């Protein structure tokens, strides 16, 4: 599996600052939490739920032991972002429980992930997501997503647009290509199902069947 790129909020964690040989030693909890968060996100994208749950629990426990509420909030947002990338519409319950202690930027990001953010919130978002939210049209938003270099950040942006009912066919195709290139089974299946349903709605059974054959391949079903 390709190396997992960091989510915007993951990159903002102080605990992700690499140890420098000439600097002070990084506490074990920081390195452990970083590694566990990365493994958790990677497992989720691959569809390995039990691994994801265990790794996230380890990361959250390490962070919570410090009493740093802001970092626990961001860990929960990282988890929510992965679900948005895979088009999961469940409420972000982990963040909701901590919302009273969240910053305006945290709240704006949570709203963005849920498809509820307003263009005026763009300045509060991580850099890769700002142009997406502020885009004046769905076509421009899809172009902004395509311009995001980090694959996981790109899928998060695509998922946020889908939740906001702003997903163009080009955006869906881009999300499929990105998921496929990274070997991320969970979001690939989610986006392929969107594409198949749209082909059905457009009255193109041949295309819908072609997409469903691909879905069966990803799922490991016999042809």
C-alpha atoms as a PDB file:
ATOM      1  CA  UNK A   1       0.000   0.000   0.000  1.00  0.00           C
ATOM      2  CA  UNK A   2       1.402   3.454  -0.826  1.00  0.00           C
ATOM      3  CA  UNK A   3       2.654   5.614   2.012  1.00  0.00           C
ATOM      4  CA  UNK A   4      -0.268   7.408   3.582  1.00  0.00           C
ATOM      5  CA  UNK A   5      -0.218  11.189   3.064  1.00  0.00           C
ATOM      6  CA  UNK A   6      -1.297  13.250   6.033  1.00  0.00           C
ATOM      7  CA  UNK A   7      -4.687  14.879   6.296  1.00  0.00           C
ATOM      8  CA  UNK A   8      -4.628  18.661   6.703  1.00  0.00           C
ATOM      9  CA  UNK A   9      -5.454  18.501  10.394  1.00  0.00           C
ATOM     10  CA  UNK A  10      -3.017  15.658  10.924  1.00  0.00           C
ATOM     11  CA  UNK A  11      -0.273  17.814   9.436  1.00  0.00           C
ATOM     12  CA  UNK A  12      -1.199  20.571  11.893  1.00  0.00           C
ATOM     13  CA  UNK A  13      -0.597  18.392  14.942  1.00  0.00           C
ATOM     14  CA  UNK A  14       2.346  19.487  17.067  1.00  0.00           C
ATOM     15  CA  UNK A  15       2.885  15.803  17.749  1.00  0.00           C
ATOM     16  CA  UNK A  16       3.798  15.318  14.091  1.00  0.00           C
ATOM     17  CA  UNK A  17       6.897  17.450  14.307  1.00  0.00           C
ATOM     18  CA  UNK A  18       9.748  15.095  13.564  1.00  0.00           C
ATOM     19  CA  UNK A  19      12.505  14.686  16.109  1.00  0.00           C
ATOM     20  CA  UNK A  20      15.706  16.441  15.213  1.00  0.00           C
ATOM     21  CA  UNK A  21      18.959  14.771  16.173  1.00  0.00           C
ATOM     22  CA  UNK A  22      20.225  18.040  17.652  1.00  0.00           C
ATOM     23  CA  UNK A  23      16.950  18.989  19.349  1.00  0.00           C
ATOM     24  CA  UNK A  24      15.124  17.750  22.430  1.00  0.00           C
ATOM     25  CA  UNK A  25      13.864  14.191  22.443  1.00  0.00           C
ATOM     26  CA  UNK A  26      10.276  13.834  21.266  1.00  0.00           C
ATOM     27  CA  UNK A  27       8.074  12.209  23.944  1.00  0.00           C
ATOM     28  CA  UNK A  28       6.986   8.663  23.184  1.00  0.00           C
ATOM     29  CA  UNK A  29       3.302   9.590  23.229  1.00  0.00           C
ATOM     30  CA  UNK A  30       3.755  11.969  20.301  1.00  0.00           C
ATOM     31  CA  UNK A  31       5.446   9.402  18.092  1.00  0.00           C
ATOM     32  CA  UNK A  32       3.059   6.647  19.157  1.00  0.00           C
ATOM     33  CA  UNK A  33      -0.026   8.774  18.538  1.00  0.00           C
ATOM     34  CA  UNK A  34       1.207   9.925  15.139  1.00  0.00           C
ATOM     35  CA  UNK A  35       1.940   6.382  14.008  1.00  0.00           C
ATOM     36  CA  UNK A  36      -1.361   5.063  15.319  1.00  0.00           C
ATOM     37  CA  UNK A  37      -3.341   7.824  13.593  1.00  0.00           C
ATOM     38  CA  UNK A  38      -1.635   7.105  10.300  1.00  0.00           C
ATOM     39  CA  UNK A  39      -2.231   3.362  10.642  1.00  0.00           C
ATOM     40  CA  UNK A  40      -5.835   3.986  11.638  1.00  0.00           C
ATOM     41  CA  UNK A  41      -6.528   6.155   8.603  1.00  0.00           C
ATOM     42  CA  UNK A  42      -4.753   3.758   6.262  1.00  0.00           C
ATOM     43  CA  UNK A  43      -6.725   0.813   7.630  1.00  0.00           C
ATOM     44  CA  UNK A  44      -9.992   2.681   7.208  1.00  0.00           C
ATOM     45  CA  UNK A  45      -9.277   3.520   3.587  1.00  0.00           C
ATOM     46  CA  UNK A  46      -8.436  -0.131   2.959  1.00  0.00           C
ATOM     47  CA  UNK A  47     -11.691  -1.274   4.582  1.00  0.00           C
ATOM     48  CA  UNK A  48     -10.096  -2.943   7.626  1.00  0.00           C
ATOM     49  CA  UNK A  49     -12.514  -1.760  10.290  1.00  0.00           C
ATOM     50  CA  UNK A  50     -11.192  -3.650  13.312  1.00  0.00           C
ATOM     51  CA  UNK A  51      -7.643  -2.452  12.717  1.00  0.00           C
ATOM     52  CA  UNK A  52      -8.919   1.112  12.285  1.00  0.00           C
ATOM     53  CA  UNK A  53     -10.863   1.005  15.535  1.00  0.00           C
ATOM     54  CA  UNK A  54      -7.971  -0.427  17.537  1.00  0.00           C
ATOM     55  CA  UNK A  55      -5.371   1.959  16.151  1.00  0.00           C
ATOM     56  CA  UNK A  56      -7.569   5.002  16.651  1.00  0.00           C
ATOM     57  CA  UNK A  57      -8.298   3.962  20.230  1.00  0.00           C
ATOM     58  CA  UNK A  58      -4.556   3.727  20.895  1.00  0.00           C
ATOM     59  CA  UNK A  59      -3.927   7.157  19.364  1.00  0.00           C
ATOM     60  CA  UNK A  60      -6.769   8.789  21.249  1.00  0.00           C
ATOM     61  CA  UNK A  61      -5.686   7.266  24.556  1.00  0.00           C
ATOM     62  CA  UNK A  62      -2.128   8.526  24.085  1.00  0.00           C
ATOM     63  CA  UNK A  63      -3.343  12.037  23.292  1.00  0.00           C
ATOM     64  CA  UNK A  64      -6.018  12.115  25.992  1.00  0.00           C
ATOM     65  CA  UNK A  65      -3.413  11.180  28.603  1.00  0.00           C
ATOM     66  CA  UNK A  66      -1.885  14.630  28.087  1.00  0.00           C
ATOM     67  CA  UNK A  67      -5.151  16.461  28.779  1.00  0.00           C
ATOM     68  CA  UNK A  68      -4.707  18.410  25.531  1.00  0.00           C
ATOM     69  CA  UNK A  69      -8.324  18.766  24.449  1.00  0.00           C
ATOM     70  CA  UNK A  70      -7.400  20.609  21.260  1.00  0.00           C
ATOM     71  CA  UNK A  71      -5.387  17.631  20.037  1.00  0.00           C
ATOM     72  CA  UNK A  72      -8.123  15.145  20.875  1.00  0.00           C
ATOM     73  CA  UNK A  73     -10.561  17.304  18.898  1.00  0.00           C
ATOM     74  CA  UNK A  74      -8.279  17.286  15.893  1.00  0.00           C
ATOM     75  CA  UNK A  75      -7.789  13.535  16.127  1.00  0.00           C
ATOM     76  CA  UNK A  76     -11.563  13.157  15.959  1.00  0.00           C
ATOM     77  CA  UNK A  77     -11.673  15.499  12.957  1.00  0.00           C
ATOM     78  CA  UNK A  78      -9.036  13.404  11.222  1.00  0.00           C
ATOM     79  CA  UNK A  79     -11.284  10.393  11.691  1.00  0.00           C
ATOM     80  CA  UNK A  80     -14.291  12.320  10.390  1.00  0.00           C
ATOM     81  CA  UNK A  81     -12.336  13.492   7.352  1.00  0.00           C
ATOM     82  CA  UNK A  82     -11.482   9.930   6.339  1.00  0.00           C
ATOM     83  CA  UNK A  83     -15.179   9.087   6.471  1.00  0.00           C
ATOM     84  CA  UNK A  84     -16.042  12.078   4.327  1.00  0.00           C
ATOM     85  CA  UNK A  85     -13.488  10.905   1.754  1.00  0.00           C
ATOM     86  CA  UNK A  86     -15.345   7.587   1.625  1.00  0.00           C
ATOM     87  CA  UNK A  87     -18.793   9.247   1.423  1.00  0.00           C
ATOM     88  CA  UNK A  88     -19.947   8.112   4.860  1.00  0.00           C
ATOM     89  CA  UNK A  89     -22.819  10.270   6.093  1.00  0.00           C
ATOM     90  CA  UNK A  90     -22.747   9.282   9.767  1.00  0.00           C
ATOM     91  CA  UNK A  91     -22.591  12.117  12.280  1.00  0.00           C
ATOM     92  CA  UNK A  92     -19.141  12.945  13.600  1.00  0.00           C
ATOM     93  CA  UNK A  93     -20.059  11.877  17.126  1.00  0.00           C
ATOM     94  CA  UNK A  94     -16.531  11.977  18.514  1.00  0.00           C
ATOM     95  CA  UNK A  95     -16.166  15.618  17.563  1.00  0.00           C
ATOM     96  CA  UNK A  96     -19.728  16.497  18.592  1.00  0.00           C
ATOM     97  CA  UNK A  97     -18.988  15.382  22.142  1.00  0.00           C
ATOM     98  CA  UNK A  98     -16.100  17.879  22.289  1.00  0.00           C
ATOM     99  CA  UNK A  99     -17.637  20.703  20.254  1.00  0.00           C
ATOM    100  CA  UNK A 100     -18.006  23.016  23.282  1.00  0.00           C
ATOM    101  CA  UNK A 101     -14.187  23.203  23.511  1.00  0.00           C
ATOM    102  CA  UNK A 102     -13.561  23.503  19.770  1.00  0.00           C
ATOM    103  CA  UNK A 103     -12.073  26.568  18.106  1.00  0.00           C
ATOM    104  CA  UNK A 104     -13.891  28.409  15.287  1.00  0.00           C
ATOM    105  CA  UNK A 105     -11.487  26.759  12.836  1.00  0.00           C
ATOM    106  CA  UNK A 106     -12.326  23.306  14.190  1.00  0.00           C
ATOM    107  CA  UNK A 107     -16.055  24.013  13.902  1.00  0.00           C
ATOM    108  CA  UNK A 108     -15.678  25.379  10.377  1.00  0.00           C
ATOM    109  CA  UNK A 109     -13.780  22.246   9.341  1.00  0.00           C
ATOM    110  CA  UNK A 110     -16.419  19.974  10.883  1.00  0.00           C
ATOM    111  CA  UNK A 111     -19.142  21.885   9.040  1.00  0.00           C
ATOM    112  CA  UNK A 112     -17.125  21.633   5.835  1.00  0.00           C
ATOM    113  CA  UNK A 113     -16.827  17.866   6.217  1.00  0.00           C
ATOM    114  CA  UNK A 114     -20.595  17.668   6.696  1.00  0.00           C
ATOM    115  CA  UNK A 115     -21.287  19.762   3.583  1.00  0.00           C
ATOM    116  CA  UNK A 116     -22.700  22.629   5.641  1.00  0.00           C
ATOM    117  CA  UNK A 117     -19.907  25.219   5.469  1.00  0.00           C
ATOM    118  CA  UNK A 118     -20.463  28.614   3.857  1.00  0.00           C
ATOM    119  CA  UNK A 119     -18.010  30.348   1.487  1.00  0.00           C
ATOM    120  CA  UNK A 120     -17.342  32.863   4.269  1.00  0.00           C
ATOM    121  CA  UNK A 121     -15.807  30.002   6.287  1.00  0.00           C
ATOM    122  CA  UNK A 122     -13.097  29.373   3.683  1.00  0.00           C
ATOM    123  CA  UNK A 123     -10.426  31.402   5.474  1.00  0.00           C
ATOM    124  CA  UNK A 124     -10.771  29.151   8.534  1.00  0.00           C
ATOM    125  CA  UNK A 125     -10.101  25.940   6.616  1.00  0.00           C
ATOM    126  CA  UNK A 126      -6.776  24.183   6.014  1.00  0.00           C
ATOM    127  CA  UNK A 127      -5.040  25.599   2.952  1.00  0.00           C
ATOM    128  CA  UNK A 128      -5.875  22.796   0.469  1.00  0.00           C
ATOM    129  CA  UNK A 129      -9.602  23.145   1.141  1.00  0.00           C
ATOM    130  CA  UNK A 130     -10.033  26.926   0.970  1.00  0.00           C
ATOM    131  CA  UNK A 131     -10.242  27.292  -2.805  1.00  0.00           C
ATOM    132  CA  UNK A 132     -12.717  24.408  -2.982  1.00  0.00           C
ATOM    133  CA  UNK A 133     -15.198  26.001  -0.597  1.00  0.00           C
ATOM    134  CA  UNK A 134     -14.764  29.481  -2.086  1.00  0.00           C
ATOM    135  CA  UNK A 135     -15.183  28.319  -5.705  1.00  0.00           C
ATOM    136  CA  UNK A 136     -17.990  30.251  -7.440  1.00  0.00           C
ATOM    137  CA  UNK A 137     -19.373  27.242  -9.315  1.00  0.00           C
ATOM    138  CA  UNK A 138     -19.454  23.457  -9.092  1.00  0.00           C
ATOM    139  CA  UNK A 139     -17.173  23.230 -12.130  1.00  0.00           C
ATOM    140  CA  UNK A 140     -14.653  25.584 -10.535  1.00  0.00           C
ATOM    141  CA  UNK A 141     -14.830  23.591  -7.291  1.00  0.00           C
ATOM    142  CA  UNK A 142     -14.095  20.358  -9.165  1.00  0.00           C
ATOM    143  CA  UNK A 143     -11.099  22.030 -10.799  1.00  0.00           C
ATOM    144  CA  UNK A 144      -9.873  23.190  -7.389  1.00  0.00           C
ATOM    145  CA  UNK A 145     -10.116  19.627  -6.084  1.00  0.00           C
ATOM    146  CA  UNK A 146      -8.107  18.319  -9.023  1.00  0.00           C
ATOM    147  CA  UNK A 147      -5.411  20.856  -8.178  1.00  0.00           C
ATOM    148  CA  UNK A 148      -4.881  19.447  -4.666  1.00  0.00           C
ATOM    149  CA  UNK A 149      -1.644  17.452  -4.721  1.00  0.00           C
ATOM    150  CA  UNK A 150      -2.221  15.304  -1.642  1.00  0.00           C
ATOM    151  CA  UNK A 151      -4.482  12.344  -2.561  1.00  0.00           C
ATOM    152  CA  UNK A 152      -6.213  12.103   0.793  1.00  0.00           C
ATOM    153  CA  UNK A 153      -6.854  15.843   1.003  1.00  0.00           C
ATOM    154  CA  UNK A 154      -8.228  15.654  -2.535  1.00  0.00           C
ATOM    155  CA  UNK A 155     -10.692  12.904  -1.605  1.00  0.00           C
ATOM    156  CA  UNK A 156     -11.778  14.779   1.522  1.00  0.00           C
ATOM    157  CA  UNK A 157     -12.548  17.823  -0.629  1.00  0.00           C
ATOM    158  CA  UNK A 158     -14.445  15.696  -3.128  1.00  0.00           C
ATOM    159  CA  UNK A 159     -16.477  14.096  -0.357  1.00  0.00           C
ATOM    160  CA  UNK A 160     -17.312  17.472   1.156  1.00  0.00           C
ATOM    161  CA  UNK A 161     -18.579  18.671  -2.219  1.00  0.00           C
ATOM    162  CA  UNK A 162     -20.649  15.534  -2.647  1.00  0.00           C
ATOM    163  CA  UNK A 163     -22.265  16.064   0.756  1.00  0.00           C
ATOM    164  CA  UNK A 164     -23.023  19.643  -0.278  1.00  0.00           C
ATOM    165  CA  UNK A 165     -24.712  18.325  -3.447  1.00  0.00           C
ATOM    166  CA  UNK A 166     -22.043  19.938  -5.632  1.00  0.00           C
ATOM    167  CA  UNK A 167     -20.397  16.873  -7.193  1.00  0.00           C
ATOM    168  CA  UNK A 168     -20.003  17.064 -10.962  1.00  0.00           C
ATOM    169  CA  UNK A 169     -19.372  13.974 -13.135  1.00  0.00           C
ATOM    170  CA  UNK A 170     -15.788  15.156 -13.517  1.00  0.00           C
ATOM    171  CA  UNK A 171     -15.373  15.289  -9.741  1.00  0.00           C
ATOM    172  CA  UNK A 172     -16.699  11.740  -9.360  1.00  0.00           C
ATOM    173  CA  UNK A 173     -14.340  10.485 -12.062  1.00  0.00           C
ATOM    174  CA  UNK A 174     -11.394  12.237 -10.391  1.00  0.00           C
ATOM    175  CA  UNK A 175     -12.246  10.722  -7.002  1.00  0.00           C
ATOM    176  CA  UNK A 176     -12.430   7.270  -8.578  1.00  0.00           C
ATOM    177  CA  UNK A 177      -9.072   7.737 -10.293  1.00  0.00           C
ATOM    178  CA  UNK A 178      -7.414   8.949  -7.095  1.00  0.00           C
ATOM    179  CA  UNK A 179      -8.848   6.124  -4.984  1.00  0.00           C
ATOM    180  CA  UNK A 180      -7.784   3.584  -7.594  1.00  0.00           C
ATOM    181  CA  UNK A 181      -4.252   4.969  -7.902  1.00  0.00           C
ATOM    182  CA  UNK A 182      -3.783   4.758  -4.127  1.00  0.00           C
ATOM    183  CA  UNK A 183      -5.326   1.297  -3.825  1.00  0.00           C
ATOM    184  CA  UNK A 184      -7.926   2.578  -1.346  1.00  0.00           C
ATOM    185  CA  UNK A 185     -10.755   0.060  -1.597  1.00  0.00           C
ATOM    186  CA  UNK A 186     -13.327   1.765   0.652  1.00  0.00           C
ATOM    187  CA  UNK A 187     -13.555   5.153  -1.107  1.00  0.00           C
ATOM    188  CA  UNK A 188     -13.149   3.505  -4.512  1.00  0.00           C
ATOM    189  CA  UNK A 189     -16.248   1.373  -3.946  1.00  0.00           C
ATOM    190  CA  UNK A 190     -18.206   4.347  -2.615  1.00  0.00           C
ATOM    191  CA  UNK A 191     -17.418   6.563  -5.591  1.00  0.00           C
ATOM    192  CA  UNK A 192     -17.950   3.760  -8.117  1.00  0.00           C
ATOM    193  CA  UNK A 193     -21.411   3.170  -6.681  1.00  0.00           C
ATOM    194  CA  UNK A 194     -22.183   6.871  -7.124  1.00  0.00           C
ATOM    195  CA  UNK A 195     -21.067   6.660 -10.726  1.00  0.00           C
ATOM    196  CA  UNK A 196     -23.158   3.535 -11.345  1.00  0.00           C
ATOM    197  CA  UNK A 197     -26.270   5.117  -9.879  1.00  0.00           C
ATOM    198  CA  UNK A 198     -25.787   8.197 -12.030  1.00  0.00           C
ATOM    199  CA  UNK A 199     -25.460   6.003 -15.118  1.00  0.00           C
ATOM    200  CA  UNK A 200     -28.732   4.313 -14.157  1.00  0.00           C
ATOM    201  CA  UNK A 201     -30.410   7.678 -13.738  1.00  0.00           C
ATOM    202  CA  UNK A 202     -29.064   8.854 -17.099  1.00  0.00           C
ATOM    203  CA  UNK A 203     -30.606   5.817 -18.794  1.00  0.00           C
ATOM    204  CA  UNK A 204     -27.279   4.215 -19.727  1.00  0.00           C
ATOM    205  CA  UNK A 205     -27.541   0.550 -18.646  1.00  0.00           C
ATOM    206  CA  UNK A 206     -24.451  -0.463 -20.616  1.00  0.00           C
ATOM    207  CA  UNK A 207     -22.277   2.012 -18.717  1.00  0.00           C
ATOM    208  CA  UNK A 208     -23.917   1.102 -15.413  1.00  0.00           C
ATOM    209  CA  UNK A 209     -23.184  -2.574 -15.996  1.00  0.00           C
ATOM    210  CA  UNK A 210     -19.570  -1.821 -16.913  1.00  0.00           C
ATOM    211  CA  UNK A 211     -19.113   0.084 -13.660  1.00  0.00           C
ATOM    212  CA  UNK A 212     -20.729  -2.691 -11.638  1.00  0.00           C
ATOM    213  CA  UNK A 213     -18.345  -5.224 -13.165  1.00  0.00           C
ATOM    214  CA  UNK A 214     -15.535  -3.055 -11.861  1.00  0.00           C
ATOM    215  CA  UNK A 215     -17.201  -2.887  -8.449  1.00  0.00           C
ATOM    216  CA  UNK A 216     -17.395  -6.691  -8.397  1.00  0.00           C
ATOM    217  CA  UNK A 217     -13.687  -6.862  -9.201  1.00  0.00           C
ATOM    218  CA  UNK A 218     -12.797  -4.533  -6.322  1.00  0.00           C
ATOM    219  CA  UNK A 219     -15.032  -6.508  -3.968  1.00  0.00           C
ATOM    220  CA  UNK A 220     -13.383  -9.735  -5.030  1.00  0.00           C
ATOM    221  CA  UNK A 221     -16.578 -11.266  -6.393  1.00  0.00           C
ATOM    222  CA  UNK A 222     -16.360 -13.974  -9.076  1.00  0.00           C
ATOM    223  CA  UNK A 223     -17.150 -12.691 -12.542  1.00  0.00           C
END
